[in-house]
Amino acid sequence: MAGVLNCREPDQWFFFCPRQEREAQGGRPNRITPSGYWKATGSPGFVFGNNRMIGTKRTLVFYEGRAPSGTKTKWKMNEFGSISQEQATTSNAQPEME
């Protein structure tokens, strides 16, 4: 995965990378690595700013090996995605913070 690493603490790393073309067009994201894969768990959450939804958050767990027989590890990752200003103001299904 090509991206930019921001690592100021040994246990907390941040990677910033563009979405792949297939994923950006609504396709399923490719989270496969040479040694395993990242699997999404639970429902996506919302990120709020100024009482408006500005992004999404999804929790991922790393599995060693190949799906569906991979072995679950203790590694976890939070994947954040931003939404455009237009999406934030035009979505009828947009939740608001109370």
PDB file of N, CA and C in Angstrom:
ATOM      1  N   MET A   1       0.847  -1.169   0.000  1.00  0.00           N
ATOM      2  CA  MET A   1       0.000   0.000   0.000  1.00  0.00           C
ATOM      3  C   MET A   1       0.895   1.236   0.000  1.00  0.00           C
ATOM      4  N   ALA A   2       0.770   2.039  -1.008  1.00  0.00           N
ATOM      5  CA  ALA A   2       1.539   3.280  -1.059  1.00  0.00           C
ATOM      6  C   ALA A   2       0.813   4.340  -0.248  1.00  0.00           C
ATOM      7  N   GLY A   3       1.557   5.111   0.498  1.00  0.00           N
ATOM      8  CA  GLY A   3       0.949   6.158   1.306  1.00  0.00           C
ATOM      9  C   GLY A   3       2.013   6.897   2.090  1.00  0.00           C
ATOM     10  N   VAL A   4       1.591   7.810   2.911  1.00  0.00           N
ATOM     11  CA  VAL A   4       2.490   8.608   3.728  1.00  0.00           C
ATOM     12  C   VAL A   4       2.334   8.181   5.176  1.00  0.00           C
ATOM     13  N   LEU A   5       3.436   7.887   5.843  1.00  0.00           N
ATOM     14  CA  LEU A   5       3.431   7.450   7.238  1.00  0.00           C
ATOM     15  C   LEU A   5       3.720   8.629   8.147  1.00  0.00           C
ATOM     16  N   ASN A   6       2.917   8.756   9.186  1.00  0.00           N
ATOM     17  CA  ASN A   6       3.142   9.751  10.229  1.00  0.00           C
ATOM     18  C   ASN A   6       3.237   8.969  11.526  1.00  0.00           C
ATOM     19  N   CYS A   7       4.449   8.816  12.068  1.00  0.00           N
ATOM     20  CA  CYS A   7       4.673   7.963  13.237  1.00  0.00           C
ATOM     21  C   CYS A   7       5.421   8.741  14.302  1.00  0.00           C
ATOM     22  N   ARG A   8       4.700   9.244  15.292  1.00  0.00           N
ATOM     23  CA  ARG A   8       5.344   9.988  16.374  1.00  0.00           C
ATOM     24  C   ARG A   8       5.421   9.176  17.654  1.00  0.00           C
ATOM     25  N   GLU A   9       4.603   8.146  17.762  1.00  0.00           N
ATOM     26  CA  GLU A   9       4.620   7.273  18.933  1.00  0.00           C
ATOM     27  C   GLU A   9       4.801   5.844  18.453  1.00  0.00           C
ATOM     28  N   PRO A  10       5.505   4.995  19.215  1.00  0.00           N
ATOM     29  CA  PRO A  10       5.771   3.637  18.738  1.00  0.00           C
ATOM     30  C   PRO A  10       4.522   2.772  18.581  1.00  0.00           C
ATOM     31  N   ASP A  11       3.463   3.052  19.332  1.00  0.00           N
ATOM     32  CA  ASP A  11       2.258   2.224  19.269  1.00  0.00           C
ATOM     33  C   ASP A  11       1.129   2.852  18.472  1.00  0.00           C
ATOM     34  N   GLN A  12       1.356   4.004  17.875  1.00  0.00           N
ATOM     35  CA  GLN A  12       0.288   4.684  17.152  1.00  0.00           C
ATOM     36  C   GLN A  12       0.845   5.263  15.860  1.00  0.00           C
ATOM     37  N   TRP A  13       0.410   4.696  14.744  1.00  0.00           N
ATOM     38  CA  TRP A  13       0.882   5.114  13.434  1.00  0.00           C
ATOM     39  C   TRP A  13      -0.302   5.610  12.620  1.00  0.00           C
ATOM     40  N   PHE A  14      -0.045   6.556  11.728  1.00  0.00           N
ATOM     41  CA  PHE A  14      -1.068   7.071  10.837  1.00  0.00           C
ATOM     42  C   PHE A  14      -0.576   6.962   9.405  1.00  0.00           C
ATOM     43  N   PHE A  15      -1.401   6.414   8.528  1.00  0.00           N
ATOM     44  CA  PHE A  15      -1.087   6.317   7.108  1.00  0.00           C
ATOM     45  C   PHE A  15      -2.122   7.122   6.340  1.00  0.00           C
ATOM     46  N   PHE A  16      -1.662   7.880   5.372  1.00  0.00           N
ATOM     47  CA  PHE A  16      -2.554   8.642   4.518  1.00  0.00           C
ATOM     48  C   PHE A  16      -2.319   8.188   3.092  1.00  0.00           C
ATOM     49  N   CYS A  17      -3.363   7.724   2.424  1.00  0.00           N
ATOM     50  CA  CYS A  17      -3.201   7.250   1.057  1.00  0.00           C
ATOM     51  C   CYS A  17      -4.473   7.522   0.260  1.00  0.00           C
ATOM     52  N   PRO A  18      -4.329   7.730  -1.048  1.00  0.00           N
ATOM     53  CA  PRO A  18      -5.514   7.947  -1.887  1.00  0.00           C
ATOM     54  C   PRO A  18      -6.273   6.648  -2.075  1.00  0.00           C
ATOM     55  N   ARG A  19      -7.561   6.777  -2.358  1.00  0.00           N
ATOM     56  CA  ARG A  19      -8.372   5.595  -2.633  1.00  0.00           C
ATOM     57  C   ARG A  19      -8.024   5.066  -4.018  1.00  0.00           C
ATOM     58  N   GLN A  20      -8.105   3.751  -4.166  1.00  0.00           N
ATOM     59  CA  GLN A  20      -7.869   3.154  -5.471  1.00  0.00           C
ATOM     60  C   GLN A  20      -9.044   3.500  -6.376  1.00  0.00           C
ATOM     61  N   GLU A  21      -8.810   3.536  -7.672  1.00  0.00           N
ATOM     62  CA  GLU A  21      -9.846   3.949  -8.615  1.00  0.00           C
ATOM     63  C   GLU A  21     -11.107   3.091  -8.478  1.00  0.00           C
ATOM     64  N   ARG A  22     -10.956   1.782  -8.366  1.00  0.00           N
ATOM     65  CA  ARG A  22     -12.109   0.888  -8.238  1.00  0.00           C
ATOM     66  C   ARG A  22     -12.925   1.232  -6.997  1.00  0.00           C
ATOM     67  N   GLU A  23     -12.235   1.472  -5.891  1.00  0.00           N
ATOM     68  CA  GLU A  23     -12.882   1.795  -4.625  1.00  0.00           C
ATOM     69  C   GLU A  23     -13.550   3.165  -4.685  1.00  0.00           C
ATOM     70  N   ALA A  24     -12.911   4.130  -5.320  1.00  0.00           N
ATOM     71  CA  ALA A  24     -13.448   5.489  -5.416  1.00  0.00           C
ATOM     72  C   ALA A  24     -14.736   5.522  -6.228  1.00  0.00           C
ATOM     73  N   GLN A  25     -14.915   4.564  -7.125  1.00  0.00           N
ATOM     74  CA  GLN A  25     -16.121   4.515  -7.952  1.00  0.00           C
ATOM     75  C   GLN A  25     -17.204   3.650  -7.320  1.00  0.00           C
ATOM     76  N   GLY A  26     -17.077   3.360  -6.043  1.00  0.00           N
ATOM     77  CA  GLY A  26     -18.111   2.609  -5.338  1.00  0.00           C
ATOM     78  C   GLY A  26     -17.839   1.125  -5.212  1.00  0.00           C
ATOM     79  N   GLY A  27     -16.695   0.659  -5.697  1.00  0.00           N
ATOM     80  CA  GLY A  27     -16.364  -0.756  -5.586  1.00  0.00           C
ATOM     81  C   GLY A  27     -15.871  -1.111  -4.194  1.00  0.00           C
ATOM     82  N   ARG A  28     -15.725  -2.385  -3.954  1.00  0.00           N
ATOM     83  CA  ARG A  28     -15.259  -2.859  -2.656  1.00  0.00           C
ATOM     84  C   ARG A  28     -13.767  -2.565  -2.491  1.00  0.00           C
ATOM     85  N   PRO A  29     -13.360  -2.052  -1.322  1.00  0.00           N
ATOM     86  CA  PRO A  29     -11.939  -1.744  -1.128  1.00  0.00           C
ATOM     87  C   PRO A  29     -11.085  -3.009  -1.055  1.00  0.00           C
ATOM     88  N   ASN A  30      -9.864  -2.917  -1.574  1.00  0.00           N
ATOM     89  CA  ASN A  30      -8.914  -4.025  -1.531  1.00  0.00           C
ATOM     90  C   ASN A  30      -8.038  -3.839  -0.299  1.00  0.00           C
ATOM     91  N   ARG A  31      -8.208  -4.708   0.695  1.00  0.00           N
ATOM     92  CA  ARG A  31      -7.437  -4.593   1.933  1.00  0.00           C
ATOM     93  C   ARG A  31      -6.523  -5.803   2.116  1.00  0.00           C
ATOM     94  N   ILE A  32      -6.057  -6.363   1.009  1.00  0.00           N
ATOM     95  CA  ILE A  32      -5.184  -7.536   1.038  1.00  0.00           C
ATOM     96  C   ILE A  32      -3.735  -7.071   1.107  1.00  0.00           C
ATOM     97  N   THR A  33      -2.927  -7.770   1.913  1.00  0.00           N
ATOM     98  CA  THR A  33      -1.500  -7.489   2.024  1.00  0.00           C
ATOM     99  C   THR A  33      -0.735  -8.759   1.657  1.00  0.00           C
ATOM    100  N   PRO A  34       0.592  -8.696   1.515  1.00  0.00           N
ATOM    101  CA  PRO A  34       1.355  -9.913   1.218  1.00  0.00           C
ATOM    102  C   PRO A  34       1.229 -10.993   2.295  1.00  0.00           C
ATOM    103  N   SER A  35       0.969 -10.611   3.548  1.00  0.00           N
ATOM    104  CA  SER A  35       0.918 -11.616   4.618  1.00  0.00           C
ATOM    105  C   SER A  35      -0.477 -11.852   5.186  1.00  0.00           C
ATOM    106  N   GLY A  36      -1.482 -11.168   4.685  1.00  0.00           N
ATOM    107  CA  GLY A  36      -2.829 -11.356   5.223  1.00  0.00           C
ATOM    108  C   GLY A  36      -3.802 -10.339   4.664  1.00  0.00           C
ATOM    109  N   TYR A  37      -4.798  -9.995   5.474  1.00  0.00           N
ATOM    110  CA  TYR A  37      -5.817  -9.054   5.011  1.00  0.00           C
ATOM    111  C   TYR A  37      -6.477  -8.356   6.196  1.00  0.00           C
ATOM    112  N   TRP A  38      -7.028  -7.168   5.937  1.00  0.00           N
ATOM    113  CA  TRP A  38      -7.778  -6.402   6.926  1.00  0.00           C
ATOM    114  C   TRP A  38      -9.256  -6.649   6.689  1.00  0.00           C
ATOM    115  N   LYS A  39      -9.974  -6.999   7.744  1.00  0.00           N
ATOM    116  CA  LYS A  39     -11.403  -7.280   7.639  1.00  0.00           C
ATOM    117  C   LYS A  39     -12.182  -6.265   8.470  1.00  0.00           C
ATOM    118  N   ALA A  40     -13.197  -5.661   7.853  1.00  0.00           N
ATOM    119  CA  ALA A  40     -14.037  -4.692   8.559  1.00  0.00           C
ATOM    120  C   ALA A  40     -14.905  -5.419   9.580  1.00  0.00           C
ATOM    121  N   THR A  41     -15.057  -4.810  10.754  1.00  0.00           N
ATOM    122  CA  THR A  41     -15.904  -5.383  11.800  1.00  0.00           C
ATOM    123  C   THR A  41     -16.933  -4.348  12.226  1.00  0.00           C
ATOM    124  N   GLY A  42     -18.112  -4.805  12.566  1.00  0.00           N
ATOM    125  CA  GLY A  42     -19.148  -3.896  13.050  1.00  0.00           C
ATOM    126  C   GLY A  42     -19.657  -2.961  11.969  1.00  0.00           C
ATOM    127  N   SER A  43     -20.467  -2.026  12.387  1.00  0.00           N
ATOM    128  CA  SER A  43     -21.046  -1.038  11.478  1.00  0.00           C
ATOM    129  C   SER A  43     -20.168   0.202  11.426  1.00  0.00           C
ATOM    130  N   PRO A  44     -20.148   0.875  10.280  1.00  0.00           N
ATOM    131  CA  PRO A  44     -19.376   2.111  10.217  1.00  0.00           C
ATOM    132  C   PRO A  44     -19.971   3.168  11.144  1.00  0.00           C
ATOM    133  N   GLY A  45     -19.116   3.984  11.711  1.00  0.00           N
ATOM    134  CA  GLY A  45     -19.571   5.084  12.552  1.00  0.00           C
ATOM    135  C   GLY A  45     -19.430   6.399  11.804  1.00  0.00           C
ATOM    136  N   PHE A  46     -19.897   7.457  12.416  1.00  0.00           N
ATOM    137  CA  PHE A  46     -19.836   8.780  11.803  1.00  0.00           C
ATOM    138  C   PHE A  46     -18.897   9.678  12.593  1.00  0.00           C
ATOM    139  N   VAL A  47     -18.244  10.589  11.914  1.00  0.00           N
ATOM    140  CA  VAL A  47     -17.363  11.575  12.537  1.00  0.00           C
ATOM    141  C   VAL A  47     -18.052  12.929  12.386  1.00  0.00           C
ATOM    142  N   PHE A  48     -18.134  13.673  13.500  1.00  0.00           N
ATOM    143  CA  PHE A  48     -18.856  14.944  13.498  1.00  0.00           C
ATOM    144  C   PHE A  48     -17.925  16.118  13.767  1.00  0.00           C
ATOM    145  N   GLY A  49     -18.270  17.248  13.214  1.00  0.00           N
ATOM    146  CA  GLY A  49     -17.594  18.517  13.472  1.00  0.00           C
ATOM    147  C   GLY A  49     -18.612  19.629  13.340  1.00  0.00           C
ATOM    148  N   ASN A  50     -18.676  20.511  14.303  1.00  0.00           N
ATOM    149  CA  ASN A  50     -19.677  21.587  14.306  1.00  0.00           C
ATOM    150  C   ASN A  50     -21.097  21.042  14.163  1.00  0.00           C
ATOM    151  N   ASN A  51     -21.363  19.929  14.854  1.00  0.00           N
ATOM    152  CA  ASN A  51     -22.679  19.282  14.869  1.00  0.00           C
ATOM    153  C   ASN A  51     -23.134  18.787  13.499  1.00  0.00           C
ATOM    154  N   ARG A  52     -22.208  18.564  12.577  1.00  0.00           N
ATOM    155  CA  ARG A  52     -22.517  18.031  11.250  1.00  0.00           C
ATOM    156  C   ARG A  52     -21.611  16.841  10.972  1.00  0.00           C
ATOM    157  N   MET A  53     -22.128  15.889  10.189  1.00  0.00           N
ATOM    158  CA  MET A  53     -21.312  14.745   9.816  1.00  0.00           C
ATOM    159  C   MET A  53     -20.269  15.193   8.795  1.00  0.00           C
ATOM    160  N   ILE A  54     -18.995  14.921   9.100  1.00  0.00           N
ATOM    161  CA  ILE A  54     -17.920  15.309   8.186  1.00  0.00           C
ATOM    162  C   ILE A  54     -17.142  14.103   7.658  1.00  0.00           C
ATOM    163  N   GLY A  55     -17.442  12.905   8.190  1.00  0.00           N
ATOM    164  CA  GLY A  55     -16.718  11.731   7.730  1.00  0.00           C
ATOM    165  C   GLY A  55     -17.263  10.449   8.321  1.00  0.00           C
ATOM    166  N   THR A  56     -16.577   9.355   8.006  1.00  0.00           N
ATOM    167  CA  THR A  56     -16.954   8.036   8.505  1.00  0.00           C
ATOM    168  C   THR A  56     -15.751   7.383   9.176  1.00  0.00           C
ATOM    169  N   LYS A  57     -16.042   6.425  10.038  1.00  0.00           N
ATOM    170  CA  LYS A  57     -14.992   5.678  10.732  1.00  0.00           C
ATOM    171  C   LYS A  57     -15.378   4.204  10.706  1.00  0.00           C
ATOM    172  N   ARG A  58     -14.417   3.360  10.366  1.00  0.00           N
ATOM    173  CA  ARG A  58     -14.655   1.926  10.317  1.00  0.00           C
ATOM    174  C   ARG A  58     -13.503   1.228  11.031  1.00  0.00           C
ATOM    175  N   THR A  59     -13.815   0.216  11.849  1.00  0.00           N
ATOM    176  CA  THR A  59     -12.797  -0.552  12.558  1.00  0.00           C
ATOM    177  C   THR A  59     -12.449  -1.789  11.737  1.00  0.00           C
ATOM    178  N   LEU A  60     -11.145  -2.050  11.609  1.00  0.00           N
ATOM    179  CA  LEU A  60     -10.650  -3.206  10.862  1.00  0.00           C
ATOM    180  C   LEU A  60      -9.785  -4.065  11.775  1.00  0.00           C
ATOM    181  N   VAL A  61      -9.807  -5.373  11.547  1.00  0.00           N
ATOM    182  CA  VAL A  61      -8.973  -6.328  12.281  1.00  0.00           C
ATOM    183  C   VAL A  61      -8.110  -7.054  11.256  1.00  0.00           C
ATOM    184  N   PHE A  62      -6.829  -7.291  11.597  1.00  0.00           N
ATOM    185  CA  PHE A  62      -5.918  -7.957  10.670  1.00  0.00           C
ATOM    186  C   PHE A  62      -5.950  -9.465  10.874  1.00  0.00           C
ATOM    187  N   TYR A  63      -6.026 -10.206   9.762  1.00  0.00           N
ATOM    188  CA  TYR A  63      -5.976 -11.668   9.747  1.00  0.00           C
ATOM    189  C   TYR A  63      -4.749 -12.099   8.963  1.00  0.00           C
ATOM    190  N   GLU A  64      -3.961 -13.029   9.505  1.00  0.00           N
ATOM    191  CA  GLU A  64      -2.821 -13.596   8.780  1.00  0.00           C
ATOM    192  C   GLU A  64      -3.325 -14.720   7.896  1.00  0.00           C
ATOM    193  N   GLY A  65      -2.746 -14.836   6.708  1.00  0.00           N
ATOM    194  CA  GLY A  65      -3.167 -15.869   5.773  1.00  0.00           C
ATOM    195  C   GLY A  65      -4.188 -15.318   4.788  1.00  0.00           C
ATOM    196  N   ARG A  66      -4.908 -16.218   4.154  1.00  0.00           N
ATOM    197  CA  ARG A  66      -5.886 -15.833   3.138  1.00  0.00           C
ATOM    198  C   ARG A  66      -7.301 -16.151   3.606  1.00  0.00           C
ATOM    199  N   ALA A  67      -8.246 -15.306   3.192  1.00  0.00           N
ATOM    200  CA  ALA A  67      -9.659 -15.524   3.514  1.00  0.00           C
ATOM    201  C   ALA A  67     -10.132 -16.772   2.780  1.00  0.00           C
ATOM    202  N   PRO A  68     -11.030 -17.530   3.332  1.00  0.00           N
ATOM    203  CA  PRO A  68     -11.719 -17.329   4.605  1.00  0.00           C
ATOM    204  C   PRO A  68     -11.054 -18.040   5.783  1.00  0.00           C
ATOM    205  N   SER A  69      -9.861 -18.603   5.572  1.00  0.00           N
ATOM    206  CA  SER A  69      -9.247 -19.403   6.638  1.00  0.00           C
ATOM    207  C   SER A  69      -8.115 -18.676   7.365  1.00  0.00           C
ATOM    208  N   GLY A  70      -8.087 -17.350   7.307  1.00  0.00           N
ATOM    209  CA  GLY A  70      -7.043 -16.588   7.985  1.00  0.00           C
ATOM    210  C   GLY A  70      -7.155 -16.682   9.495  1.00  0.00           C
ATOM    211  N   THR A  71      -6.054 -16.379  10.179  1.00  0.00           N
ATOM    212  CA  THR A  71      -6.003 -16.403  11.644  1.00  0.00           C
ATOM    213  C   THR A  71      -6.063 -14.975  12.170  1.00  0.00           C
ATOM    214  N   LYS A  72      -7.029 -14.707  13.035  1.00  0.00           N
ATOM    215  CA  LYS A  72      -7.225 -13.368  13.589  1.00  0.00           C
ATOM    216  C   LYS A  72      -6.044 -12.989  14.479  1.00  0.00           C
ATOM    217  N   THR A  73      -5.581 -11.744  14.352  1.00  0.00           N
ATOM    218  CA  THR A  73      -4.492 -11.236  15.188  1.00  0.00           C
ATOM    219  C   THR A  73      -5.045 -10.188  16.157  1.00  0.00           C
ATOM    220  N   LYS A  74      -4.169  -9.625  16.978  1.00  0.00           N
ATOM    221  CA  LYS A  74      -4.574  -8.564  17.906  1.00  0.00           C
ATOM    222  C   LYS A  74      -4.498  -7.179  17.264  1.00  0.00           C
ATOM    223  N   TRP A  75      -4.049  -7.103  16.021  1.00  0.00           N
ATOM    224  CA  TRP A  75      -3.889  -5.810  15.355  1.00  0.00           C
ATOM    225  C   TRP A  75      -5.243  -5.236  14.969  1.00  0.00           C
ATOM    226  N   LYS A  76      -5.439  -3.977  15.290  1.00  0.00           N
ATOM    227  CA  LYS A  76      -6.664  -3.274  14.928  1.00  0.00           C
ATOM    228  C   LYS A  76      -6.294  -1.958  14.257  1.00  0.00           C
ATOM    229  N   MET A  77      -7.191  -1.482  13.416  1.00  0.00           N
ATOM    230  CA  MET A  77      -6.961  -0.224  12.721  1.00  0.00           C
ATOM    231  C   MET A  77      -8.295   0.492  12.564  1.00  0.00           C
ATOM    232  N   ASN A  78      -8.279   1.795  12.736  1.00  0.00           N
ATOM    233  CA  ASN A  78      -9.451   2.613  12.450  1.00  0.00           C
ATOM    234  C   ASN A  78      -9.227   3.287  11.109  1.00  0.00           C
ATOM    235  N   GLU A  79     -10.174   3.090  10.210  1.00  0.00           N
ATOM    236  CA  GLU A  79     -10.107   3.688   8.878  1.00  0.00           C
ATOM    237  C   GLU A  79     -11.075   4.866   8.844  1.00  0.00           C
ATOM    238  N   PHE A  80     -10.541   6.044   8.561  1.00  0.00           N
ATOM    239  CA  PHE A  80     -11.369   7.246   8.500  1.00  0.00           C
ATOM    240  C   PHE A  80     -11.514   7.681   7.053  1.00  0.00           C
ATOM    241  N   GLY A  81     -12.692   8.143   6.701  1.00  0.00           N
ATOM    242  CA  GLY A  81     -12.933   8.680   5.366  1.00  0.00           C
ATOM    243  C   GLY A  81     -13.644  10.011   5.477  1.00  0.00           C
ATOM    244  N   SER A  82     -13.251  10.941   4.644  1.00  0.00           N
ATOM    245  CA  SER A  82     -13.919  12.241   4.653  1.00  0.00           C
ATOM    246  C   SER A  82     -15.037  12.232   3.620  1.00  0.00           C
ATOM    247  N   ILE A  83     -15.998  13.108   3.823  1.00  0.00           N
ATOM    248  CA  ILE A  83     -17.051  13.268   2.827  1.00  0.00           C
ATOM    249  C   ILE A  83     -16.997  14.706   2.333  1.00  0.00           C
ATOM    250  N   SER A  84     -17.448  14.910   1.122  1.00  0.00           N
ATOM    251  CA  SER A  84     -17.383  16.254   0.543  1.00  0.00           C
ATOM    252  C   SER A  84     -18.414  17.169   1.196  1.00  0.00           C
ATOM    253  N   GLN A  85     -18.202  18.454   1.069  1.00  0.00           N
ATOM    254  CA  GLN A  85     -19.147  19.445   1.598  1.00  0.00           C
ATOM    255  C   GLN A  85     -20.520  19.223   0.976  1.00  0.00           C
ATOM    256  N   GLU A  86     -20.540  18.907  -0.320  1.00  0.00           N
ATOM    257  CA  GLU A  86     -21.801  18.673  -1.019  1.00  0.00           C
ATOM    258  C   GLU A  86     -22.538  17.472  -0.437  1.00  0.00           C
ATOM    259  N   GLN A  87     -21.812  16.376  -0.181  1.00  0.00           N
ATOM    260  CA  GLN A  87     -22.433  15.200   0.428  1.00  0.00           C
ATOM    261  C   GLN A  87     -22.976  15.529   1.807  1.00  0.00           C
ATOM    262  N   ALA A  88     -22.257  16.326   2.569  1.00  0.00           N
ATOM    263  CA  ALA A  88     -22.658  16.654   3.932  1.00  0.00           C
ATOM    264  C   ALA A  88     -23.917  17.504   3.963  1.00  0.00           C
ATOM    265  N   THR A  89     -24.147  18.321   2.944  1.00  0.00           N
ATOM    266  CA  THR A  89     -25.299  19.223   2.970  1.00  0.00           C
ATOM    267  C   THR A  89     -26.491  18.717   2.178  1.00  0.00           C
ATOM    268  N   THR A  90     -26.300  17.724   1.281  1.00  0.00           N
ATOM    269  CA  THR A  90     -27.414  17.276   0.449  1.00  0.00           C
ATOM    270  C   THR A  90     -27.972  15.921   0.829  1.00  0.00           C
ATOM    271  N   SER A  91     -27.315  15.184   1.693  1.00  0.00           N
ATOM    272  CA  SER A  91     -27.774  13.843   2.039  1.00  0.00           C
ATOM    273  C   SER A  91     -29.002  13.897   2.938  1.00  0.00           C
ATOM    274  N   ASN A  92     -30.083  13.231   2.513  1.00  0.00           N
ATOM    275  CA  ASN A  92     -31.296  13.153   3.332  1.00  0.00           C
ATOM    276  C   ASN A  92     -31.112  12.232   4.518  1.00  0.00           C
ATOM    277  N   ALA A  93     -30.217  11.252   4.379  1.00  0.00           N
ATOM    278  CA  ALA A  93     -30.017  10.260   5.442  1.00  0.00           C
ATOM    279  C   ALA A  93     -28.956  10.698   6.434  1.00  0.00           C
ATOM    280  N   GLN A  94     -28.478  11.901   6.313  1.00  0.00           N
ATOM    281  CA  GLN A  94     -27.388  12.373   7.173  1.00  0.00           C
ATOM    282  C   GLN A  94     -27.846  12.528   8.617  1.00  0.00           C
ATOM    283  N   PRO A  95     -27.203  11.824   9.539  1.00  0.00           N
ATOM    284  CA  PRO A  95     -27.554  11.997  10.946  1.00  0.00           C
ATOM    285  C   PRO A  95     -26.975  13.299  11.481  1.00  0.00           C
ATOM    286  N   GLU A  96     -27.656  13.892  12.417  1.00  0.00           N
ATOM    287  CA  GLU A  96     -27.148  15.097  13.075  1.00  0.00           C
ATOM    288  C   GLU A  96     -26.866  14.780  14.518  1.00  0.00           C
ATOM    289  N   MET A  97     -25.856  15.400  15.062  1.00  0.00           N
ATOM    290  CA  MET A  97     -25.486  15.201  16.449  1.00  0.00           C
ATOM    291  C   MET A  97     -26.459  15.942  17.345  1.00  0.00           C
ATOM    292  N   GLU A  98     -26.885  15.288  18.402  1.00  0.00           N
ATOM    293  CA  GLU A  98     -27.828  15.931  19.318  1.00  0.00           C
ATOM    294  C   GLU A  98     -27.173  16.300  20.607  1.00  0.00           C
TER     295      GLU A  98
END
